[in-house]
Amino acid sequence: MFCKTLSATLLLVGVAAPAFADDPVLAIKDHQFVPPELEIPAGTKVKLIVRNNDPTTSEFESTELHREKVVQSGHEIVVFIGPLDPGRYEFFDDFHPETRGHIVVK
């Protein structure tokens, strides 16, 4: 309700309402991150959804992003990241260390 009211108010005074992109989704399937790279905009806080499609528990972890969250089989978690400077930030599944990916910030 607040967003609708804010958008309507901003439009009435001639200011464009902020645009919100869809939340990026990262899946875990066959012990791989899909997609293995996600691109996000620099300087923006992002709500990342991580879905575990594997029959085993996994973990989204990133030393560079200071994030670590377990995701049970068949469930999803939310990880807030950013705002970040441009660059590449690695993440991995601590339960399956060979499973790695990157967030590319532009």
PDB file of N, CA and C in Angstrom:
ATOM      1  N   MET A   1       0.826  -1.192   0.000  1.00  0.00           N
ATOM      2  CA  MET A   1       0.000   0.000   0.000  1.00  0.00           C
ATOM      3  C   MET A   1       0.867   1.250   0.000  1.00  0.00           C
ATOM      4  N   PHE A   2       1.922   1.238   0.810  1.00  0.00           N
ATOM      5  CA  PHE A   2       2.800   2.394   0.893  1.00  0.00           C
ATOM      6  C   PHE A   2       3.415   2.715  -0.460  1.00  0.00           C
ATOM      7  N   CYS A   3       3.879   1.660  -1.193  1.00  0.00           N
ATOM      8  CA  CYS A   3       4.509   1.889  -2.499  1.00  0.00           C
ATOM      9  C   CYS A   3       3.534   2.493  -3.496  1.00  0.00           C
ATOM     10  N   LYS A   4       2.277   2.023  -3.495  1.00  0.00           N
ATOM     11  CA  LYS A   4       1.274   2.583  -4.390  1.00  0.00           C
ATOM     12  C   LYS A   4       1.012   4.040  -4.046  1.00  0.00           C
ATOM     13  N   THR A   5       0.895   4.333  -2.764  1.00  0.00           N
ATOM     14  CA  THR A   5       0.655   5.703  -2.333  1.00  0.00           C
ATOM     15  C   THR A   5       1.843   6.581  -2.696  1.00  0.00           C
ATOM     16  N   LEU A   6       3.057   6.099  -2.449  1.00  0.00           N
ATOM     17  CA  LEU A   6       4.253   6.858  -2.786  1.00  0.00           C
ATOM     18  C   LEU A   6       4.326   7.094  -4.287  1.00  0.00           C
ATOM     19  N   SER A   7       4.069   6.074  -5.088  1.00  0.00           N
ATOM     20  CA  SER A   7       4.108   6.223  -6.534  1.00  0.00           C
ATOM     21  C   SER A   7       3.089   7.240  -7.013  1.00  0.00           C
ATOM     22  N   ALA A   8       1.874   7.158  -6.484  1.00  0.00           N
ATOM     23  CA  ALA A   8       0.833   8.103  -6.866  1.00  0.00           C
ATOM     24  C   ALA A   8       1.212   9.521  -6.470  1.00  0.00           C
ATOM     25  N   THR A   9       1.765   9.681  -5.280  1.00  0.00           N
ATOM     26  CA  THR A   9       2.172  11.003  -4.812  1.00  0.00           C
ATOM     27  C   THR A   9       3.283  11.562  -5.679  1.00  0.00           C
ATOM     28  N   LEU A  10       4.269  10.750  -6.003  1.00  0.00           N
ATOM     29  CA  LEU A  10       5.379  11.203  -6.832  1.00  0.00           C
ATOM     30  C   LEU A  10       4.907  11.584  -8.227  1.00  0.00           C
ATOM     31  N   LEU A  11       3.973  10.821  -8.776  1.00  0.00           N
ATOM     32  CA  LEU A  11       3.445  11.141 -10.099  1.00  0.00           C
ATOM     33  C   LEU A  11       2.663  12.446 -10.083  1.00  0.00           C
ATOM     34  N   LEU A  12       1.932  12.693  -9.009  1.00  0.00           N
ATOM     35  CA  LEU A  12       1.163  13.933  -8.899  1.00  0.00           C
ATOM     36  C   LEU A  12       2.055  15.158  -8.865  1.00  0.00           C
ATOM     37  N   VAL A  13       3.220  15.025  -8.251  1.00  0.00           N
ATOM     38  CA  VAL A  13       4.116  16.180  -8.168  1.00  0.00           C
ATOM     39  C   VAL A  13       5.126  16.189  -9.318  1.00  0.00           C
ATOM     40  N   GLY A  14       4.993  15.285 -10.259  1.00  0.00           N
ATOM     41  CA  GLY A  14       5.831  15.278 -11.442  1.00  0.00           C
ATOM     42  C   GLY A  14       7.184  14.611 -11.279  1.00  0.00           C
ATOM     43  N   VAL A  15       7.320  13.744 -10.283  1.00  0.00           N
ATOM     44  CA  VAL A  15       8.567  13.017 -10.072  1.00  0.00           C
ATOM     45  C   VAL A  15       8.322  11.554 -10.407  1.00  0.00           C
ATOM     46  N   ALA A  16       9.199  10.964 -11.169  1.00  0.00           N
ATOM     47  CA  ALA A  16       9.042   9.560 -11.540  1.00  0.00           C
ATOM     48  C   ALA A  16       9.302   8.674 -10.325  1.00  0.00           C
ATOM     49  N   ALA A  17       8.482   7.654 -10.177  1.00  0.00           N
ATOM     50  CA  ALA A  17       8.668   6.681  -9.091  1.00  0.00           C
ATOM     51  C   ALA A  17       9.863   5.802  -9.424  1.00  0.00           C
ATOM     52  N   PRO A  18      10.587   5.324  -8.407  1.00  0.00           N
ATOM     53  CA  PRO A  18      11.747   4.465  -8.685  1.00  0.00           C
ATOM     54  C   PRO A  18      11.306   3.158  -9.321  1.00  0.00           C
ATOM     55  N   ALA A  19      12.127   2.657 -10.235  1.00  0.00           N
ATOM     56  CA  ALA A  19      11.829   1.383 -10.891  1.00  0.00           C
ATOM     57  C   ALA A  19      12.452   0.250 -10.086  1.00  0.00           C
ATOM     58  N   PHE A  20      11.715  -0.822  -9.915  1.00  0.00           N
ATOM     59  CA  PHE A  20      12.214  -1.980  -9.191  1.00  0.00           C
ATOM     60  C   PHE A  20      12.303  -3.151 -10.153  1.00  0.00           C
ATOM     61  N   ALA A  21      13.482  -3.726 -10.256  1.00  0.00           N
ATOM     62  CA  ALA A  21      13.672  -4.896 -11.114  1.00  0.00           C
ATOM     63  C   ALA A  21      13.204  -6.140 -10.379  1.00  0.00           C
ATOM     64  N   ASP A  22      12.961  -7.185 -11.140  1.00  0.00           N
ATOM     65  CA  ASP A  22      12.632  -8.464 -10.522  1.00  0.00           C
ATOM     66  C   ASP A  22      13.817  -8.927  -9.687  1.00  0.00           C
ATOM     67  N   ASP A  23      13.513  -9.608  -8.598  1.00  0.00           N
ATOM     68  CA  ASP A  23      14.578 -10.135  -7.753  1.00  0.00           C
ATOM     69  C   ASP A  23      15.294 -11.245  -8.508  1.00  0.00           C
ATOM     70  N   PRO A  24      16.640 -11.207  -8.553  1.00  0.00           N
ATOM     71  CA  PRO A  24      17.367 -12.281  -9.233  1.00  0.00           C
ATOM     72  C   PRO A  24      17.209 -13.603  -8.486  1.00  0.00           C
ATOM     73  N   VAL A  25      17.154 -14.690  -9.247  1.00  0.00           N
ATOM     74  CA  VAL A  25      16.998 -16.029  -8.679  1.00  0.00           C
ATOM     75  C   VAL A  25      18.211 -16.861  -9.060  1.00  0.00           C
ATOM     76  N   LEU A  26      18.754 -17.523  -8.063  1.00  0.00           N
ATOM     77  CA  LEU A  26      19.877 -18.428  -8.249  1.00  0.00           C
ATOM     78  C   LEU A  26      19.410 -19.805  -7.810  1.00  0.00           C
ATOM     79  N   ALA A  27      19.473 -20.775  -8.703  1.00  0.00           N
ATOM     80  CA  ALA A  27      19.044 -22.137  -8.369  1.00  0.00           C
ATOM     81  C   ALA A  27      20.265 -23.011  -8.101  1.00  0.00           C
ATOM     82  N   ILE A  28      20.064 -24.019  -7.289  1.00  0.00           N
ATOM     83  CA  ILE A  28      21.078 -25.052  -7.078  1.00  0.00           C
ATOM     84  C   ILE A  28      20.484 -26.335  -7.636  1.00  0.00           C
ATOM     85  N   LYS A  29      21.124 -26.866  -8.681  1.00  0.00           N
ATOM     86  CA  LYS A  29      20.636 -28.069  -9.349  1.00  0.00           C
ATOM     87  C   LYS A  29      21.835 -28.920  -9.744  1.00  0.00           C
ATOM     88  N   ASP A  30      21.792 -30.196  -9.398  1.00  0.00           N
ATOM     89  CA  ASP A  30      22.895 -31.120  -9.680  1.00  0.00           C
ATOM     90  C   ASP A  30      24.220 -30.583  -9.113  1.00  0.00           C
ATOM     91  N   HIS A  31      24.140 -30.016  -7.918  1.00  0.00           N
ATOM     92  CA  HIS A  31      25.292 -29.434  -7.210  1.00  0.00           C
ATOM     93  C   HIS A  31      26.003 -28.359  -8.026  1.00  0.00           C
ATOM     94  N   GLN A  32      25.225 -27.595  -8.783  1.00  0.00           N
ATOM     95  CA  GLN A  32      25.742 -26.454  -9.550  1.00  0.00           C
ATOM     96  C   GLN A  32      24.826 -25.261  -9.329  1.00  0.00           C
ATOM     97  N   PHE A  33      25.404 -24.059  -9.361  1.00  0.00           N
ATOM     98  CA  PHE A  33      24.594 -22.846  -9.327  1.00  0.00           C
ATOM     99  C   PHE A  33      24.144 -22.541 -10.744  1.00  0.00           C
ATOM    100  N   VAL A  34      22.864 -22.240 -10.890  1.00  0.00           N
ATOM    101  CA  VAL A  34      22.278 -21.931 -12.193  1.00  0.00           C
ATOM    102  C   VAL A  34      21.554 -20.594 -12.087  1.00  0.00           C
ATOM    103  N   PRO A  35      22.023 -19.569 -12.785  1.00  0.00           N
ATOM    104  CA  PRO A  35      23.208 -19.522 -13.631  1.00  0.00           C
ATOM    105  C   PRO A  35      24.471 -19.418 -12.766  1.00  0.00           C
ATOM    106  N   PRO A  36      25.635 -19.761 -13.342  1.00  0.00           N
ATOM    107  CA  PRO A  36      26.872 -19.690 -12.563  1.00  0.00           C
ATOM    108  C   PRO A  36      27.350 -18.257 -12.326  1.00  0.00           C
ATOM    109  N   GLU A  37      26.831 -17.310 -13.101  1.00  0.00           N
ATOM    110  CA  GLU A  37      27.121 -15.891 -12.899  1.00  0.00           C
ATOM    111  C   GLU A  37      25.836 -15.096 -12.933  1.00  0.00           C
ATOM    112  N   LEU A  38      25.721 -14.163 -12.000  1.00  0.00           N
ATOM    113  CA  LEU A  38      24.583 -13.247 -11.959  1.00  0.00           C
ATOM    114  C   LEU A  38      25.114 -11.837 -12.077  1.00  0.00           C
ATOM    115  N   GLU A  39      24.514 -11.042 -12.933  1.00  0.00           N
ATOM    116  CA  GLU A  39      24.909  -9.647 -13.070  1.00  0.00           C
ATOM    117  C   GLU A  39      23.910  -8.767 -12.323  1.00  0.00           C
ATOM    118  N   ILE A  40      24.441  -7.856 -11.499  1.00  0.00           N
ATOM    119  CA  ILE A  40      23.595  -6.912 -10.766  1.00  0.00           C
ATOM    120  C   ILE A  40      24.179  -5.513 -10.926  1.00  0.00           C
ATOM    121  N   PRO A  41      23.359  -4.492 -10.726  1.00  0.00           N
ATOM    122  CA  PRO A  41      23.864  -3.125 -10.871  1.00  0.00           C
ATOM    123  C   PRO A  41      24.686  -2.676  -9.661  1.00  0.00           C
ATOM    124  N   ALA A  42      25.710  -1.879  -9.928  1.00  0.00           N
ATOM    125  CA  ALA A  42      26.542  -1.323  -8.861  1.00  0.00           C
ATOM    126  C   ALA A  42      25.729  -0.317  -8.044  1.00  0.00           C
ATOM    127  N   GLY A  43      26.062  -0.220  -6.773  1.00  0.00           N
ATOM    128  CA  GLY A  43      25.451   0.791  -5.911  1.00  0.00           C
ATOM    129  C   GLY A  43      24.010   0.523  -5.540  1.00  0.00           C
ATOM    130  N   THR A  44      23.543  -0.703  -5.699  1.00  0.00           N
ATOM    131  CA  THR A  44      22.145  -1.042  -5.435  1.00  0.00           C
ATOM    132  C   THR A  44      22.065  -2.228  -4.487  1.00  0.00           C
ATOM    133  N   LYS A  45      21.174  -2.149  -3.512  1.00  0.00           N
ATOM    134  CA  LYS A  45      20.924  -3.289  -2.638  1.00  0.00           C
ATOM    135  C   LYS A  45      20.019  -4.265  -3.392  1.00  0.00           C
ATOM    136  N   VAL A  46      20.379  -5.541  -3.385  1.00  0.00           N
ATOM    137  CA  VAL A  46      19.667  -6.554  -4.163  1.00  0.00           C
ATOM    138  C   VAL A  46      19.179  -7.662  -3.244  1.00  0.00           C
ATOM    139  N   LYS A  47      17.952  -8.080  -3.502  1.00  0.00           N
ATOM    140  CA  LYS A  47      17.371  -9.230  -2.805  1.00  0.00           C
ATOM    141  C   LYS A  47      17.558 -10.439  -3.718  1.00  0.00           C
ATOM    142  N   LEU A  48      18.481 -11.320  -3.337  1.00  0.00           N
ATOM    143  CA  LEU A  48      18.785 -12.518  -4.110  1.00  0.00           C
ATOM    144  C   LEU A  48      18.012 -13.696  -3.536  1.00  0.00           C
ATOM    145  N   ILE A  49      17.292 -14.402  -4.391  1.00  0.00           N
ATOM    146  CA  ILE A  49      16.560 -15.597  -3.985  1.00  0.00           C
ATOM    147  C   ILE A  49      17.379 -16.808  -4.411  1.00  0.00           C
ATOM    148  N   VAL A  50      17.670 -17.694  -3.465  1.00  0.00           N
ATOM    149  CA  VAL A  50      18.434 -18.913  -3.744  1.00  0.00           C
ATOM    150  C   VAL A  50      17.513 -20.099  -3.515  1.00  0.00           C
ATOM    151  N   ARG A  51      17.271 -20.880  -4.574  1.00  0.00           N
ATOM    152  CA  ARG A  51      16.385 -22.059  -4.506  1.00  0.00           C
ATOM    153  C   ARG A  51      17.217 -23.328  -4.614  1.00  0.00           C
ATOM    154  N   ASN A  52      17.002 -24.240  -3.684  1.00  0.00           N
ATOM    155  CA  ASN A  52      17.717 -25.508  -3.709  1.00  0.00           C
ATOM    156  C   ASN A  52      16.829 -26.577  -4.332  1.00  0.00           C
ATOM    157  N   ASN A  53      17.153 -26.955  -5.563  1.00  0.00           N
ATOM    158  CA  ASN A  53      16.402 -27.997  -6.272  1.00  0.00           C
ATOM    159  C   ASN A  53      17.035 -29.374  -6.125  1.00  0.00           C
ATOM    160  N   ASP A  54      18.092 -29.468  -5.327  1.00  0.00           N
ATOM    161  CA  ASP A  54      18.763 -30.747  -5.102  1.00  0.00           C
ATOM    162  C   ASP A  54      18.105 -31.511  -3.946  1.00  0.00           C
ATOM    163  N   PRO A  55      18.333 -32.823  -3.887  1.00  0.00           N
ATOM    164  CA  PRO A  55      17.763 -33.628  -2.796  1.00  0.00           C
ATOM    165  C   PRO A  55      18.554 -33.520  -1.489  1.00  0.00           C
ATOM    166  N   THR A  56      19.634 -32.734  -1.488  1.00  0.00           N
ATOM    167  CA  THR A  56      20.459 -32.580  -0.284  1.00  0.00           C
ATOM    168  C   THR A  56      20.534 -31.107   0.125  1.00  0.00           C
ATOM    169  N   THR A  57      20.882 -30.880   1.369  1.00  0.00           N
ATOM    170  CA  THR A  57      21.050 -29.529   1.890  1.00  0.00           C
ATOM    171  C   THR A  57      22.276 -28.886   1.246  1.00  0.00           C
ATOM    172  N   SER A  58      22.179 -27.584   0.970  1.00  0.00           N
ATOM    173  CA  SER A  58      23.283 -26.819   0.407  1.00  0.00           C
ATOM    174  C   SER A  58      23.455 -25.543   1.213  1.00  0.00           C
ATOM    175  N   GLU A  59      24.457 -24.772   0.819  1.00  0.00           N
ATOM    176  CA  GLU A  59      24.694 -23.510   1.514  1.00  0.00           C
ATOM    177  C   GLU A  59      25.175 -22.465   0.516  1.00  0.00           C
ATOM    178  N   PHE A  60      24.622 -21.271   0.618  1.00  0.00           N
ATOM    179  CA  PHE A  60      25.128 -20.141  -0.137  1.00  0.00           C
ATOM    180  C   PHE A  60      26.108 -19.428   0.773  1.00  0.00           C
ATOM    181  N   GLU A  61      27.374 -19.369   0.361  1.00  0.00           N
ATOM    182  CA  GLU A  61      28.386 -18.718   1.191  1.00  0.00           C
ATOM    183  C   GLU A  61      29.294 -17.876   0.316  1.00  0.00           C
ATOM    184  N   SER A  62      29.688 -16.728   0.846  1.00  0.00           N
ATOM    185  CA  SER A  62      30.644 -15.868   0.169  1.00  0.00           C
ATOM    186  C   SER A  62      31.473 -15.135   1.207  1.00  0.00           C
ATOM    187  N   THR A  63      32.763 -15.392   1.171  1.00  0.00           N
ATOM    188  CA  THR A  63      33.680 -14.682   2.062  1.00  0.00           C
ATOM    189  C   THR A  63      33.716 -13.205   1.682  1.00  0.00           C
ATOM    190  N   GLU A  64      33.738 -12.935   0.382  1.00  0.00           N
ATOM    191  CA  GLU A  64      33.823 -11.561  -0.110  1.00  0.00           C
ATOM    192  C   GLU A  64      32.574 -10.744   0.214  1.00  0.00           C
ATOM    193  N   LEU A  65      31.417 -11.404   0.220  1.00  0.00           N
ATOM    194  CA  LEU A  65      30.152 -10.709   0.495  1.00  0.00           C
ATOM    195  C   LEU A  65      29.752 -10.788   1.967  1.00  0.00           C
ATOM    196  N   HIS A  66      30.501 -11.553   2.748  1.00  0.00           N
ATOM    197  CA  HIS A  66      30.203 -11.749   4.176  1.00  0.00           C
ATOM    198  C   HIS A  66      28.793 -12.306   4.381  1.00  0.00           C
ATOM    199  N   ARG A  67      28.471 -13.347   3.610  1.00  0.00           N
ATOM    200  CA  ARG A  67      27.160 -13.991   3.694  1.00  0.00           C
ATOM    201  C   ARG A  67      27.351 -15.490   3.814  1.00  0.00           C
ATOM    202  N   GLU A  68      26.466 -16.125   4.598  1.00  0.00           N
ATOM    203  CA  GLU A  68      26.491 -17.572   4.774  1.00  0.00           C
ATOM    204  C   GLU A  68      25.095 -17.995   5.221  1.00  0.00           C
ATOM    205  N   LYS A  69      24.412 -18.762   4.361  1.00  0.00           N
ATOM    206  CA  LYS A  69      23.063 -19.212   4.685  1.00  0.00           C
ATOM    207  C   LYS A  69      22.834 -20.622   4.166  1.00  0.00           C
ATOM    208  N   VAL A  70      22.308 -21.474   5.009  1.00  0.00           N
ATOM    209  CA  VAL A  70      21.952 -22.842   4.641  1.00  0.00           C
ATOM    210  C   VAL A  70      20.596 -22.812   3.940  1.00  0.00           C
ATOM    211  N   VAL A  71      20.478 -23.640   2.895  1.00  0.00           N
ATOM    212  CA  VAL A  71      19.193 -23.776   2.198  1.00  0.00           C
ATOM    213  C   VAL A  71      18.872 -25.269   2.098  1.00  0.00           C
ATOM    214  N   GLN A  72      17.786 -25.639   2.740  1.00  0.00           N
ATOM    215  CA  GLN A  72      17.355 -27.036   2.764  1.00  0.00           C
ATOM    216  C   GLN A  72      16.864 -27.481   1.390  1.00  0.00           C
ATOM    217  N   SER A  73      16.914 -28.767   1.156  1.00  0.00           N
ATOM    218  CA  SER A  73      16.419 -29.342  -0.088  1.00  0.00           C
ATOM    219  C   SER A  73      14.956 -28.941  -0.312  1.00  0.00           C
ATOM    220  N   GLY A  74      14.663 -28.467  -1.541  1.00  0.00           N
ATOM    221  CA  GLY A  74      13.294 -28.104  -1.884  1.00  0.00           C
ATOM    222  C   GLY A  74      12.836 -26.773  -1.318  1.00  0.00           C
ATOM    223  N   HIS A  75      13.714 -26.011  -0.714  1.00  0.00           N
ATOM    224  CA  HIS A  75      13.357 -24.715  -0.132  1.00  0.00           C
ATOM    225  C   HIS A  75      14.134 -23.594  -0.803  1.00  0.00           C
ATOM    226  N   GLU A  76      13.789 -22.359  -0.414  1.00  0.00           N
ATOM    227  CA  GLU A  76      14.519 -21.199  -0.899  1.00  0.00           C
ATOM    228  C   GLU A  76      14.814 -20.272   0.266  1.00  0.00           C
ATOM    229  N   ILE A  77      15.847 -19.470   0.083  1.00  0.00           N
ATOM    230  CA  ILE A  77      16.238 -18.475   1.072  1.00  0.00           C
ATOM    231  C   ILE A  77      16.374 -17.129   0.376  1.00  0.00           C
ATOM    232  N   VAL A  78      16.427 -16.083   1.166  1.00  0.00           N
ATOM    233  CA  VAL A  78      16.659 -14.738   0.653  1.00  0.00           C
ATOM    234  C   VAL A  78      17.971 -14.242   1.234  1.00  0.00           C
ATOM    235  N   VAL A  79      18.813 -13.694   0.358  1.00  0.00           N
ATOM    236  CA  VAL A  79      20.095 -13.122   0.769  1.00  0.00           C
ATOM    237  C   VAL A  79      20.133 -11.694   0.236  1.00  0.00           C
ATOM    238  N   PHE A  80      20.265 -10.727   1.124  1.00  0.00           N
ATOM    239  CA  PHE A  80      20.406  -9.337   0.693  1.00  0.00           C
ATOM    240  C   PHE A  80      21.889  -9.040   0.518  1.00  0.00           C
ATOM    241  N   ILE A  81      22.229  -8.473  -0.641  1.00  0.00           N
ATOM    242  CA  ILE A  81      23.613  -8.113  -0.909  1.00  0.00           C
ATOM    243  C   ILE A  81      23.673  -6.689  -1.446  1.00  0.00           C
ATOM    244  N   GLY A  82      24.793  -6.049  -1.195  1.00  0.00           N
ATOM    245  CA  GLY A  82      24.992  -4.703  -1.716  1.00  0.00           C
ATOM    246  C   GLY A  82      24.549  -3.644  -0.732  1.00  0.00           C
ATOM    247  N   PRO A  83      24.695  -2.415  -1.186  1.00  0.00           N
ATOM    248  CA  PRO A  83      25.227  -1.989  -2.481  1.00  0.00           C
ATOM    249  C   PRO A  83      26.714  -2.307  -2.607  1.00  0.00           C
ATOM    250  N   LEU A  84      27.107  -2.691  -3.830  1.00  0.00           N
ATOM    251  CA  LEU A  84      28.481  -3.126  -4.085  1.00  0.00           C
ATOM    252  C   LEU A  84      29.138  -2.255  -5.153  1.00  0.00           C
ATOM    253  N   ASP A  85      30.463  -2.194  -5.089  1.00  0.00           N
ATOM    254  CA  ASP A  85      31.255  -1.555  -6.136  1.00  0.00           C
ATOM    255  C   ASP A  85      31.365  -2.517  -7.309  1.00  0.00           C
ATOM    256  N   PRO A  86      31.624  -1.999  -8.519  1.00  0.00           N
ATOM    257  CA  PRO A  86      31.807  -2.890  -9.665  1.00  0.00           C
ATOM    258  C   PRO A  86      32.915  -3.909  -9.405  1.00  0.00           C
ATOM    259  N   GLY A  87      32.707  -5.113  -9.906  1.00  0.00           N
ATOM    260  CA  GLY A  87      33.693  -6.176  -9.738  1.00  0.00           C
ATOM    261  C   GLY A  87      33.038  -7.543  -9.791  1.00  0.00           C
ATOM    262  N   ARG A  88      33.835  -8.574  -9.484  1.00  0.00           N
ATOM    263  CA  ARG A  88      33.361  -9.962  -9.440  1.00  0.00           C
ATOM    264  C   ARG A  88      33.497 -10.462  -8.012  1.00  0.00           C
ATOM    265  N   TYR A  89      32.433 -11.063  -7.509  1.00  0.00           N
ATOM    266  CA  TYR A  89      32.384 -11.557  -6.139  1.00  0.00           C
ATOM    267  C   TYR A  89      32.040 -13.042  -6.182  1.00  0.00           C
ATOM    268  N   GLU A  90      32.919 -13.866  -5.630  1.00  0.00           N
ATOM    269  CA  GLU A  90      32.710 -15.315  -5.672  1.00  0.00           C
ATOM    270  C   GLU A  90      31.775 -15.769  -4.559  1.00  0.00           C
ATOM    271  N   PHE A  91      30.969 -16.786  -4.866  1.00  0.00           N
ATOM    272  CA  PHE A  91      30.168 -17.474  -3.860  1.00  0.00           C
ATOM    273  C   PHE A  91      30.330 -18.969  -4.090  1.00  0.00           C
ATOM    274  N   PHE A  92      29.989 -19.758  -3.067  1.00  0.00           N
ATOM    275  CA  PHE A  92      30.173 -21.209  -3.179  1.00  0.00           C
ATOM    276  C   PHE A  92      29.207 -21.919  -2.233  1.00  0.00           C
ATOM    277  N   ASP A  93      29.127 -23.234  -2.400  1.00  0.00           N
ATOM    278  CA  ASP A  93      28.334 -24.092  -1.527  1.00  0.00           C
ATOM    279  C   ASP A  93      29.325 -24.766  -0.582  1.00  0.00           C
ATOM    280  N   ASP A  94      29.300 -24.380   0.684  1.00  0.00           N
ATOM    281  CA  ASP A  94      30.277 -24.893   1.650  1.00  0.00           C
ATOM    282  C   ASP A  94      30.150 -26.403   1.850  1.00  0.00           C
ATOM    283  N   PHE A  95      28.961 -26.977   1.595  1.00  0.00           N
ATOM    284  CA  PHE A  95      28.779 -28.416   1.715  1.00  0.00           C
ATOM    285  C   PHE A  95      29.330 -29.162   0.501  1.00  0.00           C
ATOM    286  N   HIS A  96      29.479 -28.462  -0.615  1.00  0.00           N
ATOM    287  CA  HIS A  96      30.011 -29.019  -1.860  1.00  0.00           C
ATOM    288  C   HIS A  96      30.971 -27.966  -2.427  1.00  0.00           C
ATOM    289  N   PRO A  97      32.201 -27.891  -1.906  1.00  0.00           N
ATOM    290  CA  PRO A  97      33.126 -26.795  -2.225  1.00  0.00           C
ATOM    291  C   PRO A  97      33.450 -26.610  -3.705  1.00  0.00           C
ATOM    292  N   GLU A  98      33.265 -27.645  -4.506  1.00  0.00           N
ATOM    293  CA  GLU A  98      33.524 -27.507  -5.942  1.00  0.00           C
ATOM    294  C   GLU A  98      32.440 -26.678  -6.634  1.00  0.00           C
ATOM    295  N   THR A  99      31.306 -26.478  -5.962  1.00  0.00           N
ATOM    296  CA  THR A  99      30.188 -25.713  -6.525  1.00  0.00           C
ATOM    297  C   THR A  99      30.432 -24.235  -6.259  1.00  0.00           C
ATOM    298  N   ARG A 100      30.734 -23.495  -7.341  1.00  0.00           N
ATOM    299  CA  ARG A 100      31.098 -22.084  -7.220  1.00  0.00           C
ATOM    300  C   ARG A 100      30.412 -21.257  -8.293  1.00  0.00           C
ATOM    301  N   GLY A 101      30.280 -19.974  -8.013  1.00  0.00           N
ATOM    302  CA  GLY A 101      29.713 -19.027  -8.964  1.00  0.00           C
ATOM    303  C   GLY A 101      30.196 -17.622  -8.645  1.00  0.00           C
ATOM    304  N   HIS A 102      29.717 -16.655  -9.439  1.00  0.00           N
ATOM    305  CA  HIS A 102      30.133 -15.266  -9.261  1.00  0.00           C
ATOM    306  C   HIS A 102      28.956 -14.310  -9.416  1.00  0.00           C
ATOM    307  N   ILE A 103      29.022 -13.253  -8.651  1.00  0.00           N
ATOM    308  CA  ILE A 103      28.136 -12.108  -8.856  1.00  0.00           C
ATOM    309  C   ILE A 103      28.998 -11.071  -9.562  1.00  0.00           C
ATOM    310  N   VAL A 104      28.521 -10.616 -10.708  1.00  0.00           N
ATOM    311  CA  VAL A 104      29.234  -9.608 -11.495  1.00  0.00           C
ATOM    312  C   VAL A 104      28.488  -8.302 -11.319  1.00  0.00           C
ATOM    313  N   VAL A 105      29.177  -7.321 -10.774  1.00  0.00           N
ATOM    314  CA  VAL A 105      28.567  -6.024 -10.488  1.00  0.00           C
ATOM    315  C   VAL A 105      29.068  -5.019 -11.521  1.00  0.00           C
ATOM    316  N   LYS A 106      28.120  -4.400 -12.223  1.00  0.00           N
ATOM    317  CA  LYS A 106      28.469  -3.402 -13.255  1.00  0.00           C
ATOM    318  C   LYS A 106      27.772  -2.097 -12.988  1.00  0.00           C
TER     319      LYS A 106
END
